[in-house]
Amino acid sequence: MEHKDENGKWVGLTHSEHSDKARRAILKLYTYESPLYKTINDACCYQDESVVSTLGPFAWLLYWAI
């Protein structure tokens, strides 16, 4: 997890060119007009655990990308 050290400087997760490209790709996929957006949001609203095995990893990446 990110946090501040004793001098108030952010430490923890680092960003690289590759991680920035991955973050942009994840966000782009989520914003396309596809069933992905609705399926993830419905699963969250209704706590539908049946989609965890297929959409869980993507949702986890989306959480950290945001």
PDB file of N, CA and C in Angstrom:
ATOM      1  N   MET A   1       0.833  -1.183   0.000  1.00  0.00           N
ATOM      2  CA  MET A   1       0.000   0.000   0.000  1.00  0.00           C
ATOM      3  C   MET A   1       0.878   1.248   0.000  1.00  0.00           C
ATOM      4  N   GLU A   2       0.365   2.276  -0.579  1.00  0.00           N
ATOM      5  CA  GLU A   2       1.087   3.541  -0.574  1.00  0.00           C
ATOM      6  C   GLU A   2       0.889   4.225   0.779  1.00  0.00           C
ATOM      7  N   HIS A   3       1.888   4.938   1.188  1.00  0.00           N
ATOM      8  CA  HIS A   3       1.784   5.718   2.409  1.00  0.00           C
ATOM      9  C   HIS A   3       2.875   6.788   2.409  1.00  0.00           C
ATOM     10  N   LYS A   4       2.798   7.668   3.364  1.00  0.00           N
ATOM     11  CA  LYS A   4       3.824   8.701   3.492  1.00  0.00           C
ATOM     12  C   LYS A   4       4.845   8.266   4.523  1.00  0.00           C
ATOM     13  N   ASP A   5       6.108   8.572   4.236  1.00  0.00           N
ATOM     14  CA  ASP A   5       7.145   8.270   5.216  1.00  0.00           C
ATOM     15  C   ASP A   5       7.194   9.393   6.259  1.00  0.00           C
ATOM     16  N   GLU A   6       8.165   9.333   7.152  1.00  0.00           N
ATOM     17  CA  GLU A   6       8.252  10.315   8.235  1.00  0.00           C
ATOM     18  C   GLU A   6       8.496  11.736   7.730  1.00  0.00           C
ATOM     19  N   ASN A   7       8.971  11.893   6.480  1.00  0.00           N
ATOM     20  CA  ASN A   7       9.203  13.215   5.889  1.00  0.00           C
ATOM     21  C   ASN A   7       8.027  13.695   5.055  1.00  0.00           C
ATOM     22  N   GLY A   8       6.953  12.913   4.991  1.00  0.00           N
ATOM     23  CA  GLY A   8       5.784  13.303   4.229  1.00  0.00           C
ATOM     24  C   GLY A   8       5.860  12.957   2.755  1.00  0.00           C
ATOM     25  N   LYS A   9       6.880  12.179   2.360  1.00  0.00           N
ATOM     26  CA  LYS A   9       7.048  11.789   0.964  1.00  0.00           C
ATOM     27  C   LYS A   9       6.307  10.474   0.702  1.00  0.00           C
ATOM     28  N   TRP A  10       5.606  10.417  -0.440  1.00  0.00           N
ATOM     29  CA  TRP A  10       4.875   9.196  -0.794  1.00  0.00           C
ATOM     30  C   TRP A  10       5.847   8.078  -1.114  1.00  0.00           C
ATOM     31  N   VAL A  11       5.600   6.914  -0.552  1.00  0.00           N
ATOM     32  CA  VAL A  11       6.414   5.733  -0.813  1.00  0.00           C
ATOM     33  C   VAL A  11       5.482   4.560  -1.064  1.00  0.00           C
ATOM     34  N   GLY A  12       5.983   3.535  -1.669  1.00  0.00           N
ATOM     35  CA  GLY A  12       5.175   2.338  -1.903  1.00  0.00           C
ATOM     36  C   GLY A  12       5.130   1.998  -3.372  1.00  0.00           C
ATOM     37  N   LEU A  13       3.945   1.954  -3.913  1.00  0.00           N
ATOM     38  CA  LEU A  13       3.762   1.553  -5.302  1.00  0.00           C
ATOM     39  C   LEU A  13       4.447   2.534  -6.239  1.00  0.00           C
ATOM     40  N   THR A  14       5.131   1.993  -7.241  1.00  0.00           N
ATOM     41  CA  THR A  14       5.783   2.845  -8.226  1.00  0.00           C
ATOM     42  C   THR A  14       5.076   2.674  -9.567  1.00  0.00           C
ATOM     43  N   HIS A  15       5.172   3.681 -10.372  1.00  0.00           N
ATOM     44  CA  HIS A  15       4.554   3.652 -11.695  1.00  0.00           C
ATOM     45  C   HIS A  15       5.651   3.596 -12.745  1.00  0.00           C
ATOM     46  N   SER A  16       5.452   2.729 -13.715  1.00  0.00           N
ATOM     47  CA  SER A  16       6.400   2.637 -14.805  1.00  0.00           C
ATOM     48  C   SER A  16       5.640   2.875 -16.101  1.00  0.00           C
ATOM     49  N   GLU A  17       6.362   2.951 -17.176  1.00  0.00           N
ATOM     50  CA  GLU A  17       5.726   3.127 -18.482  1.00  0.00           C
ATOM     51  C   GLU A  17       4.803   1.949 -18.781  1.00  0.00           C
ATOM     52  N   HIS A  18       5.227   0.747 -18.417  1.00  0.00           N
ATOM     53  CA  HIS A  18       4.412  -0.445 -18.665  1.00  0.00           C
ATOM     54  C   HIS A  18       3.147  -0.446 -17.816  1.00  0.00           C
ATOM     55  N   SER A  19       3.267  -0.056 -16.558  1.00  0.00           N
ATOM     56  CA  SER A  19       2.082  -0.046 -15.709  1.00  0.00           C
ATOM     57  C   SER A  19       1.102   1.025 -16.162  1.00  0.00           C
ATOM     58  N   ASP A  20       1.596   2.148 -16.663  1.00  0.00           N
ATOM     59  CA  ASP A  20       0.708   3.188 -17.168  1.00  0.00           C
ATOM     60  C   ASP A  20      -0.037   2.715 -18.419  1.00  0.00           C
ATOM     61  N   LYS A  21       0.653   1.989 -19.290  1.00  0.00           N
ATOM     62  CA  LYS A  21      -0.009   1.451 -20.485  1.00  0.00           C
ATOM     63  C   LYS A  21      -1.075   0.430 -20.098  1.00  0.00           C
ATOM     64  N   ALA A  22      -0.758  -0.408 -19.132  1.00  0.00           N
ATOM     65  CA  ALA A  22      -1.733  -1.406 -18.669  1.00  0.00           C
ATOM     66  C   ALA A  22      -2.938  -0.720 -18.052  1.00  0.00           C
ATOM     67  N   ARG A  23      -2.710   0.308 -17.259  1.00  0.00           N
ATOM     68  CA  ARG A  23      -3.797   1.052 -16.631  1.00  0.00           C
ATOM     69  C   ARG A  23      -4.709   1.668 -17.679  1.00  0.00           C
ATOM     70  N   ARG A  24      -4.124   2.264 -18.698  1.00  0.00           N
ATOM     71  CA  ARG A  24      -4.933   2.865 -19.768  1.00  0.00           C
ATOM     72  C   ARG A  24      -5.739   1.799 -20.510  1.00  0.00           C
ATOM     73  N   ALA A  25      -5.144   0.636 -20.754  1.00  0.00           N
ATOM     74  CA  ALA A  25      -5.845  -0.447 -21.448  1.00  0.00           C
ATOM     75  C   ALA A  25      -7.015  -0.956 -20.625  1.00  0.00           C
ATOM     76  N   ILE A  26      -6.824  -1.122 -19.324  1.00  0.00           N
ATOM     77  CA  ILE A  26      -7.893  -1.592 -18.445  1.00  0.00           C
ATOM     78  C   ILE A  26      -9.048  -0.597 -18.442  1.00  0.00           C
ATOM     79  N   LEU A  27      -8.737   0.675 -18.311  1.00  0.00           N
ATOM     80  CA  LEU A  27      -9.789   1.692 -18.297  1.00  0.00           C
ATOM     81  C   LEU A  27     -10.489   1.789 -19.645  1.00  0.00           C
ATOM     82  N   LYS A  28      -9.741   1.636 -20.730  1.00  0.00           N
ATOM     83  CA  LYS A  28     -10.339   1.681 -22.060  1.00  0.00           C
ATOM     84  C   LYS A  28     -11.320   0.525 -22.247  1.00  0.00           C
ATOM     85  N   LEU A  29     -10.926  -0.675 -21.859  1.00  0.00           N
ATOM     86  CA  LEU A  29     -11.822  -1.835 -21.963  1.00  0.00           C
ATOM     87  C   LEU A  29     -13.096  -1.626 -21.165  1.00  0.00           C
ATOM     88  N   TYR A  30     -12.965  -1.036 -19.988  1.00  0.00           N
ATOM     89  CA  TYR A  30     -14.118  -0.827 -19.115  1.00  0.00           C
ATOM     90  C   TYR A  30     -15.089   0.194 -19.710  1.00  0.00           C
ATOM     91  N   THR A  31     -14.585   1.172 -20.470  1.00  0.00           N
ATOM     92  CA  THR A  31     -15.450   2.224 -20.989  1.00  0.00           C
ATOM     93  C   THR A  31     -16.033   1.921 -22.371  1.00  0.00           C
ATOM     94  N   TYR A  32     -15.587   0.849 -23.017  1.00  0.00           N
ATOM     95  CA  TYR A  32     -16.184   0.473 -24.297  1.00  0.00           C
ATOM     96  C   TYR A  32     -17.664   0.150 -24.117  1.00  0.00           C
ATOM     97  N   GLU A  33     -18.434   0.322 -25.187  1.00  0.00           N
ATOM     98  CA  GLU A  33     -19.844  -0.072 -25.143  1.00  0.00           C
ATOM     99  C   GLU A  33     -19.918  -1.583 -25.300  1.00  0.00           C
ATOM    100  N   SER A  34     -19.792  -2.259 -24.185  1.00  0.00           N
ATOM    101  CA  SER A  34     -19.845  -3.710 -24.164  1.00  0.00           C
ATOM    102  C   SER A  34     -20.583  -4.140 -22.901  1.00  0.00           C
ATOM    103  N   PRO A  35     -20.898  -5.413 -22.783  1.00  0.00           N
ATOM    104  CA  PRO A  35     -21.580  -5.886 -21.571  1.00  0.00           C
ATOM    105  C   PRO A  35     -20.689  -5.854 -20.327  1.00  0.00           C
ATOM    106  N   LEU A  36     -19.415  -5.601 -20.483  1.00  0.00           N
ATOM    107  CA  LEU A  36     -18.485  -5.623 -19.362  1.00  0.00           C
ATOM    108  C   LEU A  36     -18.885  -4.636 -18.267  1.00  0.00           C
ATOM    109  N   TYR A  37     -19.133  -3.413 -18.635  1.00  0.00           N
ATOM    110  CA  TYR A  37     -19.496  -2.374 -17.665  1.00  0.00           C
ATOM    111  C   TYR A  37     -20.744  -2.778 -16.887  1.00  0.00           C
ATOM    112  N   LYS A  38     -21.801  -3.138 -17.593  1.00  0.00           N
ATOM    113  CA  LYS A  38     -23.063  -3.493 -16.949  1.00  0.00           C
ATOM    114  C   LYS A  38     -22.921  -4.747 -16.096  1.00  0.00           C
ATOM    115  N   THR A  39     -22.205  -5.736 -16.575  1.00  0.00           N
ATOM    116  CA  THR A  39     -22.048  -6.986 -15.840  1.00  0.00           C
ATOM    117  C   THR A  39     -21.306  -6.770 -14.528  1.00  0.00           C
ATOM    118  N   ILE A  40     -20.230  -6.004 -14.573  1.00  0.00           N
ATOM    119  CA  ILE A  40     -19.474  -5.738 -13.347  1.00  0.00           C
ATOM    120  C   ILE A  40     -20.308  -4.916 -12.368  1.00  0.00           C
ATOM    121  N   ASN A  41     -20.983  -3.896 -12.863  1.00  0.00           N
ATOM    122  CA  ASN A  41     -21.794  -3.074 -11.972  1.00  0.00           C
ATOM    123  C   ASN A  41     -22.962  -3.857 -11.378  1.00  0.00           C
ATOM    124  N   ASP A  42     -23.621  -4.674 -12.188  1.00  0.00           N
ATOM    125  CA  ASP A  42     -24.717  -5.505 -11.665  1.00  0.00           C
ATOM    126  C   ASP A  42     -24.202  -6.492 -10.621  1.00  0.00           C
ATOM    127  N   ALA A  43     -23.054  -7.094 -10.890  1.00  0.00           N
ATOM    128  CA  ALA A  43     -22.474  -8.052  -9.935  1.00  0.00           C
ATOM    129  C   ALA A  43     -22.166  -7.363  -8.609  1.00  0.00           C
ATOM    130  N   CYS A  44     -21.674  -6.143  -8.672  1.00  0.00           N
ATOM    131  CA  CYS A  44     -21.390  -5.400  -7.438  1.00  0.00           C
ATOM    132  C   CYS A  44     -22.676  -5.031  -6.703  1.00  0.00           C
ATOM    133  N   CYS A  45     -23.653  -4.554  -7.440  1.00  0.00           N
ATOM    134  CA  CYS A  45     -24.917  -4.132  -6.816  1.00  0.00           C
ATOM    135  C   CYS A  45     -25.653  -5.297  -6.169  1.00  0.00           C
ATOM    136  N   TYR A  46     -25.703  -6.424  -6.859  1.00  0.00           N
ATOM    137  CA  TYR A  46     -26.468  -7.572  -6.384  1.00  0.00           C
ATOM    138  C   TYR A  46     -25.601  -8.618  -5.692  1.00  0.00           C
ATOM    139  N   GLN A  47     -24.327  -8.306  -5.487  1.00  0.00           N
ATOM    140  CA  GLN A  47     -23.371  -9.217  -4.836  1.00  0.00           C
ATOM    141  C   GLN A  47     -23.430 -10.615  -5.448  1.00  0.00           C
ATOM    142  N   ASP A  48     -23.379 -10.642  -6.773  1.00  0.00           N
ATOM    143  CA  ASP A  48     -23.432 -11.887  -7.536  1.00  0.00           C
ATOM    144  C   ASP A  48     -22.043 -12.515  -7.594  1.00  0.00           C
ATOM    145  N   GLU A  49     -21.842 -13.550  -6.808  1.00  0.00           N
ATOM    146  CA  GLU A  49     -20.528 -14.184  -6.736  1.00  0.00           C
ATOM    147  C   GLU A  49     -20.270 -15.163  -7.879  1.00  0.00           C
ATOM    148  N   SER A  50     -21.261 -15.397  -8.732  1.00  0.00           N
ATOM    149  CA  SER A  50     -21.074 -16.347  -9.830  1.00  0.00           C
ATOM    150  C   SER A  50     -20.123 -15.821 -10.905  1.00  0.00           C
ATOM    151  N   VAL A  51     -19.880 -14.521 -10.941  1.00  0.00           N
ATOM    152  CA  VAL A  51     -18.994 -13.941 -11.957  1.00  0.00           C
ATOM    153  C   VAL A  51     -17.581 -13.688 -11.430  1.00  0.00           C
ATOM    154  N   VAL A  52     -17.339 -14.032 -10.171  1.00  0.00           N
ATOM    155  CA  VAL A  52     -16.029 -13.765  -9.575  1.00  0.00           C
ATOM    156  C   VAL A  52     -14.913 -14.486 -10.318  1.00  0.00           C
ATOM    157  N   SER A  53     -15.156 -15.737 -10.715  1.00  0.00           N
ATOM    158  CA  SER A  53     -14.081 -16.493 -11.374  1.00  0.00           C
ATOM    159  C   SER A  53     -13.723 -15.923 -12.745  1.00  0.00           C
ATOM    160  N   THR A  54     -14.667 -15.283 -13.415  1.00  0.00           N
ATOM    161  CA  THR A  54     -14.377 -14.742 -14.749  1.00  0.00           C
ATOM    162  C   THR A  54     -14.073 -13.249 -14.733  1.00  0.00           C
ATOM    163  N   LEU A  55     -14.829 -12.466 -13.981  1.00  0.00           N
ATOM    164  CA  LEU A  55     -14.635 -11.016 -13.977  1.00  0.00           C
ATOM    165  C   LEU A  55     -13.892 -10.505 -12.753  1.00  0.00           C
ATOM    166  N   GLY A  56     -13.692 -11.352 -11.770  1.00  0.00           N
ATOM    167  CA  GLY A  56     -13.007 -10.932 -10.549  1.00  0.00           C
ATOM    168  C   GLY A  56     -11.622 -10.375 -10.790  1.00  0.00           C
ATOM    169  N   PRO A  57     -10.774 -11.075 -11.558  1.00  0.00           N
ATOM    170  CA  PRO A  57      -9.432 -10.527 -11.806  1.00  0.00           C
ATOM    171  C   PRO A  57      -9.461  -9.173 -12.522  1.00  0.00           C
ATOM    172  N   PHE A  58     -10.364  -9.023 -13.477  1.00  0.00           N
ATOM    173  CA  PHE A  58     -10.459  -7.738 -14.175  1.00  0.00           C
ATOM    174  C   PHE A  58     -10.948  -6.648 -13.218  1.00  0.00           C
ATOM    175  N   ALA A  59     -11.944  -6.969 -12.393  1.00  0.00           N
ATOM    176  CA  ALA A  59     -12.457  -5.992 -11.435  1.00  0.00           C
ATOM    177  C   ALA A  59     -11.375  -5.585 -10.442  1.00  0.00           C
ATOM    178  N   TRP A  60     -10.535  -6.545 -10.035  1.00  0.00           N
ATOM    179  CA  TRP A  60      -9.447  -6.245  -9.116  1.00  0.00           C
ATOM    180  C   TRP A  60      -8.455  -5.288  -9.779  1.00  0.00           C
ATOM    181  N   LEU A  61      -8.097  -5.547 -11.039  1.00  0.00           N
ATOM    182  CA  LEU A  61      -7.193  -4.653 -11.764  1.00  0.00           C
ATOM    183  C   LEU A  61      -7.820  -3.274 -11.947  1.00  0.00           C
ATOM    184  N   LEU A  62      -9.105  -3.240 -12.239  1.00  0.00           N
ATOM    185  CA  LEU A  62      -9.814  -1.966 -12.404  1.00  0.00           C
ATOM    186  C   LEU A  62      -9.780  -1.177 -11.098  1.00  0.00           C
ATOM    187  N   TYR A  63      -9.989  -1.860  -9.992  1.00  0.00           N
ATOM    188  CA  TYR A  63      -9.948  -1.207  -8.683  1.00  0.00           C
ATOM    189  C   TYR A  63      -8.595  -0.520  -8.463  1.00  0.00           C
ATOM    190  N   TRP A  64      -7.503  -1.219  -8.761  1.00  0.00           N
ATOM    191  CA  TRP A  64      -6.181  -0.646  -8.547  1.00  0.00           C
ATOM    192  C   TRP A  64      -5.816   0.375  -9.611  1.00  0.00           C
ATOM    193  N   ALA A  65      -6.433   0.308 -10.801  1.00  0.00           N
ATOM    194  CA  ALA A  65      -6.150   1.289 -11.851  1.00  0.00           C
ATOM    195  C   ALA A  65      -6.779   2.630 -11.525  1.00  0.00           C
ATOM    196  N   ILE A  66      -7.903   2.580 -10.843  1.00  0.00           N
ATOM    197  CA  ILE A  66      -8.596   3.823 -10.489  1.00  0.00           C
ATOM    198  C   ILE A  66      -7.977   4.398  -9.241  1.00  0.00           C
TER     199      ILE A  66
END
